[in-house]
Each structure stands twice: as structure tokens, then as C-alpha cells.
N, C-alpha and C. Protein backbone atom coordinates (compact mmCIF):
# COMPACT_ATOMS: atom_id res chain seq x y z
N MET A 1 51.05 33.51 56.38
CA MET A 1 52.30 34.16 56.07
C MET A 1 52.14 35.11 54.87
N LYS A 2 51.32 34.69 53.91
CA LYS A 2 51.11 35.54 52.74
C LYS A 2 50.43 36.85 53.12
N ARG A 3 49.51 36.84 54.09
CA ARG A 3 48.80 38.03 54.51
C ARG A 3 49.75 39.07 55.11
N ILE A 4 50.72 38.62 55.83
CA ILE A 4 51.70 39.53 56.43
C ILE A 4 52.52 40.21 55.35
N PHE A 5 52.81 39.52 54.27
CA PHE A 5 53.59 40.10 53.17
C PHE A 5 52.73 41.01 52.29
N ILE A 6 51.48 40.65 52.06
CA ILE A 6 50.62 41.40 51.15
C ILE A 6 50.20 42.74 51.76
N ALA A 7 49.96 42.82 53.05
CA ALA A 7 49.47 44.05 53.69
C ALA A 7 50.44 45.23 53.50
N PRO A 8 51.75 45.08 53.79
CA PRO A 8 52.65 46.23 53.58
C PRO A 8 52.78 46.63 52.11
N VAL A 9 52.77 45.67 51.21
CA VAL A 9 52.86 45.97 49.78
C VAL A 9 51.63 46.75 49.34
N LEU A 10 50.48 46.34 49.80
CA LEU A 10 49.23 47.03 49.46
C LEU A 10 49.23 48.45 50.02
N LEU A 11 49.66 48.64 51.24
CA LEU A 11 49.72 49.99 51.84
C LEU A 11 50.69 50.90 51.10
N LEU A 12 51.84 50.38 50.70
CA LEU A 12 52.81 51.18 49.96
C LEU A 12 52.29 51.57 48.58
N SER A 13 51.57 50.67 47.92
CA SER A 13 51.04 51.01 46.60
C SER A 13 49.93 52.07 46.71
N ILE A 14 49.10 52.00 47.73
CA ILE A 14 48.06 53.01 47.94
C ILE A 14 48.70 54.36 48.26
N ALA A 15 49.73 54.38 49.08
CA ALA A 15 50.41 55.64 49.40
C ALA A 15 51.05 56.25 48.16
N GLY A 16 51.59 55.43 47.30
CA GLY A 16 52.19 55.93 46.06
C GLY A 16 51.17 56.54 45.13
N ILE A 17 49.99 55.95 45.07
CA ILE A 17 48.94 56.48 44.20
C ILE A 17 48.43 57.82 44.72
N THR A 18 48.24 57.95 46.02
CA THR A 18 47.72 59.21 46.56
C THR A 18 48.73 60.34 46.43
N GLN A 19 49.99 60.05 46.45
CA GLN A 19 51.02 61.08 46.30
C GLN A 19 51.17 61.52 44.85
N ALA A 20 50.73 60.71 43.90
CA ALA A 20 50.92 61.01 42.49
C ALA A 20 49.89 61.99 41.95
N ARG A 21 48.82 62.30 42.69
CA ARG A 21 47.80 63.22 42.22
C ARG A 21 48.33 64.64 42.13
N PRO A 22 48.03 65.33 41.05
CA PRO A 22 48.47 66.73 40.96
C PRO A 22 47.67 67.60 41.93
N LYS A 23 48.35 68.55 42.53
CA LYS A 23 47.69 69.47 43.46
C LYS A 23 46.93 70.52 42.66
N PRO A 24 45.75 70.90 43.12
CA PRO A 24 45.02 71.95 42.40
C PRO A 24 45.76 73.28 42.50
N GLN A 25 45.76 74.03 41.40
CA GLN A 25 46.45 75.31 41.41
C GLN A 25 45.64 76.34 42.17
N ARG A 26 46.33 77.15 42.96
CA ARG A 26 45.68 78.22 43.68
C ARG A 26 45.55 79.43 42.77
N LYS A 27 44.53 80.19 43.00
CA LYS A 27 44.34 81.41 42.24
C LYS A 27 45.36 82.44 42.70
N GLU A 28 45.72 83.33 41.80
CA GLU A 28 46.66 84.39 42.16
C GLU A 28 45.99 85.45 43.00
N LEU A 29 44.68 85.67 42.80
CA LEU A 29 43.95 86.68 43.54
C LEU A 29 42.56 86.13 43.86
N THR A 30 42.16 86.25 45.14
CA THR A 30 40.86 85.77 45.58
C THR A 30 40.16 86.85 46.38
N VAL A 31 38.95 87.21 45.98
CA VAL A 31 38.15 88.18 46.74
C VAL A 31 37.48 87.41 47.87
N ILE A 32 37.78 87.80 49.11
CA ILE A 32 37.26 87.11 50.28
C ILE A 32 35.90 87.68 50.69
N SER A 33 35.80 89.01 50.70
CA SER A 33 34.57 89.65 51.15
C SER A 33 34.31 90.91 50.34
N ASN A 34 33.02 91.20 50.14
CA ASN A 34 32.61 92.37 49.39
C ASN A 34 31.36 92.92 50.06
N LYS A 35 31.52 93.55 51.23
CA LYS A 35 30.39 94.03 52.01
C LYS A 35 30.60 95.47 52.42
N LYS A 36 29.50 96.21 52.49
CA LYS A 36 29.49 97.58 53.00
C LYS A 36 30.54 98.47 52.34
N ARG A 37 30.67 98.33 51.02
CA ARG A 37 31.61 99.13 50.23
C ARG A 37 33.07 98.93 50.64
N ILE A 38 33.37 97.77 51.19
CA ILE A 38 34.75 97.39 51.54
C ILE A 38 35.05 96.06 50.85
N VAL A 39 36.12 96.03 50.08
CA VAL A 39 36.54 94.81 49.39
C VAL A 39 37.77 94.27 50.10
N TYR A 40 37.69 93.02 50.51
CA TYR A 40 38.78 92.36 51.21
C TYR A 40 39.25 91.21 50.32
N PHE A 41 40.53 91.22 49.95
CA PHE A 41 41.04 90.19 49.05
C PHE A 41 42.42 89.73 49.48
N LYS A 42 42.83 88.59 48.93
CA LYS A 42 44.17 88.08 49.21
C LYS A 42 44.84 87.71 47.90
N VAL A 43 46.17 87.79 47.92
CA VAL A 43 46.97 87.44 46.75
C VAL A 43 48.02 86.41 47.17
N ARG A 44 48.65 85.82 46.19
CA ARG A 44 49.74 84.88 46.49
C ARG A 44 50.92 85.63 47.09
N LYS A 45 51.75 84.91 47.78
CA LYS A 45 52.94 85.52 48.41
C LYS A 45 53.87 86.14 47.38
N SER A 46 53.82 85.66 46.17
CA SER A 46 54.71 86.19 45.14
C SER A 46 54.38 87.63 44.77
N PHE A 47 53.18 88.13 45.11
CA PHE A 47 52.80 89.51 44.83
C PHE A 47 53.19 90.49 45.95
N VAL A 48 53.59 89.98 47.11
CA VAL A 48 53.97 90.85 48.23
C VAL A 48 55.17 91.70 47.80
N GLY A 49 55.06 93.01 48.04
CA GLY A 49 56.09 93.95 47.61
C GLY A 49 55.73 94.62 46.31
N GLY A 50 54.63 94.20 45.69
CA GLY A 50 54.17 94.79 44.45
C GLY A 50 53.30 96.01 44.73
N SER A 51 52.36 96.29 43.83
CA SER A 51 51.50 97.45 44.01
C SER A 51 50.05 97.10 43.70
N VAL A 52 49.14 97.88 44.31
CA VAL A 52 47.70 97.77 44.07
C VAL A 52 47.25 99.07 43.45
N GLU A 53 46.52 99.00 42.35
CA GLU A 53 46.05 100.20 41.66
C GLU A 53 44.54 100.10 41.45
N VAL A 54 43.83 101.22 41.66
CA VAL A 54 42.39 101.28 41.46
C VAL A 54 42.11 102.20 40.29
N TYR A 55 41.40 101.68 39.26
CA TYR A 55 41.06 102.44 38.06
C TYR A 55 39.56 102.64 37.99
N ASP A 56 39.13 103.78 37.45
CA ASP A 56 37.70 104.02 37.27
C ASP A 56 37.26 103.53 35.89
N GLU A 57 36.03 103.86 35.51
CA GLU A 57 35.47 103.38 34.24
C GLU A 57 36.25 103.84 33.03
N SER A 58 36.83 105.03 33.10
CA SER A 58 37.57 105.57 31.96
C SER A 58 39.06 105.19 32.00
N LYS A 59 39.40 104.19 32.80
CA LYS A 59 40.77 103.65 32.90
C LYS A 59 41.78 104.67 33.45
N VAL A 60 41.31 105.59 34.29
CA VAL A 60 42.18 106.56 34.95
C VAL A 60 42.54 105.99 36.32
N CYS A 61 43.83 105.99 36.63
CA CYS A 61 44.29 105.46 37.92
C CYS A 61 43.93 106.47 39.02
N LEU A 62 43.04 106.06 39.92
CA LEU A 62 42.61 106.94 41.01
C LEU A 62 43.51 106.83 42.23
N GLU A 63 44.02 105.65 42.46
CA GLU A 63 44.80 105.40 43.67
C GLU A 63 45.77 104.27 43.42
N ALA A 64 46.96 104.38 43.99
CA ALA A 64 47.96 103.32 43.90
C ALA A 64 48.71 103.25 45.22
N ASP A 65 49.02 102.04 45.64
CA ASP A 65 49.72 101.86 46.91
C ASP A 65 50.53 100.57 46.84
N SER A 66 51.48 100.45 47.75
CA SER A 66 52.29 99.23 47.80
C SER A 66 51.49 98.11 48.45
N LEU A 67 51.95 96.89 48.26
CA LEU A 67 51.27 95.71 48.79
C LEU A 67 52.22 95.01 49.78
N PRO A 68 52.15 95.39 51.08
CA PRO A 68 53.08 94.82 52.05
C PRO A 68 52.67 93.45 52.59
N HIS A 69 51.40 93.06 52.39
CA HIS A 69 50.88 91.79 52.93
C HIS A 69 50.10 91.05 51.85
N THR A 70 49.74 89.81 52.15
CA THR A 70 48.93 89.04 51.21
C THR A 70 47.46 89.42 51.30
N HIS A 71 46.99 89.86 52.45
CA HIS A 71 45.58 90.24 52.63
C HIS A 71 45.47 91.77 52.63
N THR A 72 44.49 92.30 51.87
CA THR A 72 44.36 93.74 51.71
C THR A 72 42.89 94.14 51.67
N MET A 73 42.59 95.33 52.19
CA MET A 73 41.25 95.90 52.13
C MET A 73 41.28 97.19 51.33
N ILE A 74 40.23 97.40 50.54
CA ILE A 74 40.06 98.66 49.83
C ILE A 74 38.69 99.21 50.20
N HIS A 75 38.66 100.45 50.66
CA HIS A 75 37.42 101.11 51.08
C HIS A 75 36.90 101.98 49.94
N PHE A 76 35.68 101.70 49.49
CA PHE A 76 35.06 102.47 48.43
C PHE A 76 33.96 103.38 48.97
N ASP A 77 33.91 103.60 50.27
CA ASP A 77 32.81 104.36 50.86
C ASP A 77 32.84 105.84 50.49
N GLU A 78 33.99 106.40 50.18
CA GLU A 78 34.07 107.81 49.81
C GLU A 78 34.17 108.02 48.30
N MET A 79 34.11 106.95 47.54
CA MET A 79 34.20 107.06 46.08
C MET A 79 32.80 107.10 45.48
N PRO A 80 32.63 107.81 44.37
CA PRO A 80 31.30 107.87 43.74
C PRO A 80 30.90 106.52 43.16
N ALA A 81 29.61 106.36 42.94
CA ALA A 81 29.10 105.11 42.37
C ALA A 81 29.68 104.92 40.97
N GLY A 82 29.95 103.68 40.64
CA GLY A 82 30.51 103.39 39.32
C GLY A 82 31.21 102.06 39.29
N HIS A 83 31.82 101.79 38.17
CA HIS A 83 32.53 100.54 37.92
C HIS A 83 34.04 100.78 38.10
N TYR A 84 34.70 99.95 38.89
CA TYR A 84 36.12 100.10 39.17
C TYR A 84 36.86 98.81 38.83
N THR A 85 38.12 98.95 38.48
CA THR A 85 39.00 97.82 38.23
C THR A 85 40.16 97.91 39.20
N VAL A 86 40.43 96.83 39.92
CA VAL A 86 41.54 96.77 40.86
C VAL A 86 42.60 95.86 40.26
N LYS A 87 43.82 96.40 40.10
CA LYS A 87 44.93 95.64 39.53
C LYS A 87 46.03 95.48 40.56
N VAL A 88 46.56 94.27 40.63
CA VAL A 88 47.70 93.97 41.51
C VAL A 88 48.85 93.60 40.59
N LYS A 89 49.99 94.26 40.76
CA LYS A 89 51.14 94.05 39.88
C LYS A 89 52.42 93.84 40.68
N LYS A 90 53.26 93.00 40.14
CA LYS A 90 54.63 92.87 40.64
C LYS A 90 55.46 92.30 39.50
N GLY A 91 56.41 93.08 39.04
CA GLY A 91 57.24 92.65 37.92
C GLY A 91 56.39 92.45 36.68
N LEU A 92 56.51 91.30 36.05
CA LEU A 92 55.74 91.00 34.85
C LEU A 92 54.40 90.36 35.17
N LYS A 93 54.16 89.99 36.43
CA LYS A 93 52.91 89.34 36.81
C LYS A 93 51.86 90.39 37.17
N SER A 94 50.62 90.10 36.84
CA SER A 94 49.52 90.98 37.24
C SER A 94 48.25 90.17 37.37
N ALA A 95 47.35 90.65 38.22
CA ALA A 95 46.03 90.06 38.40
C ALA A 95 45.06 91.21 38.64
N GLU A 96 43.81 91.01 38.26
CA GLU A 96 42.85 92.09 38.42
C GLU A 96 41.45 91.53 38.64
N PHE A 97 40.59 92.38 39.21
CA PHE A 97 39.18 92.06 39.34
C PHE A 97 38.38 93.35 39.24
N ASN A 98 37.09 93.21 38.96
CA ASN A 98 36.21 94.36 38.79
C ASN A 98 35.31 94.50 40.01
N TYR A 99 34.94 95.76 40.31
CA TYR A 99 34.07 96.03 41.46
C TYR A 99 33.04 97.08 41.04
N GLU A 100 31.79 96.84 41.40
CA GLU A 100 30.70 97.76 41.11
C GLU A 100 30.30 98.45 42.41
N ASN A 101 30.55 99.75 42.49
CA ASN A 101 30.23 100.54 43.68
C ASN A 101 28.86 101.17 43.49
N ASN A 102 27.89 100.77 44.30
CA ASN A 102 26.52 101.29 44.17
C ASN A 102 26.25 102.38 45.17
């Protein structure tokens, strides 16, 4: 009789412990692929509707466009070799990453 009572209590306590773990935070911006001078990245849904800006080494904005989706590609095949910074902005939030075009 004790086994019948102990099993559900044990299962409920294990379920409570597994639910109490904090979830790992997702990154705001993740570069998925960087091949053949094409950068493919994704952002959180909170950035959708914001803008994507590409800056060169001297911090001059070369290109800017809206961000209608979470997944985006930037083609660097027609840009000269150099160091670029890609910034994603929406409101007060921003995220950025660097890209080296060879």
C-alpha cells in the first residue's frame, strides 16, 4: 500500500524540480552561415520591423534596409574587400556583428 502512495508523490516532486530550472536565454542575433560572401543570420522576433544597416571600416553607412523577417541574407559579393559591421536596430534595442570580406 505504501508503494502505491509513494510513486505519485515521487513523480510529482521530480516534475516540480524539472520545471523550476531557468531556461537558457536566446541570443538576440545569431549568424547561421558565412559562405561565398553571403552572410545569413537570424534575429529575435522583437527586431522584426526594425532596420539592418551595413557600415564600412570608417563607420560610414553603406546600406540600410527594413527587417521584415527574422531570417536575413546580406550579399557582399559586389563590395570591396574590407571589414564591415552589420547593425540591427529597433527602437532602443540594437545588436551587431562584424564581417571580414576577403
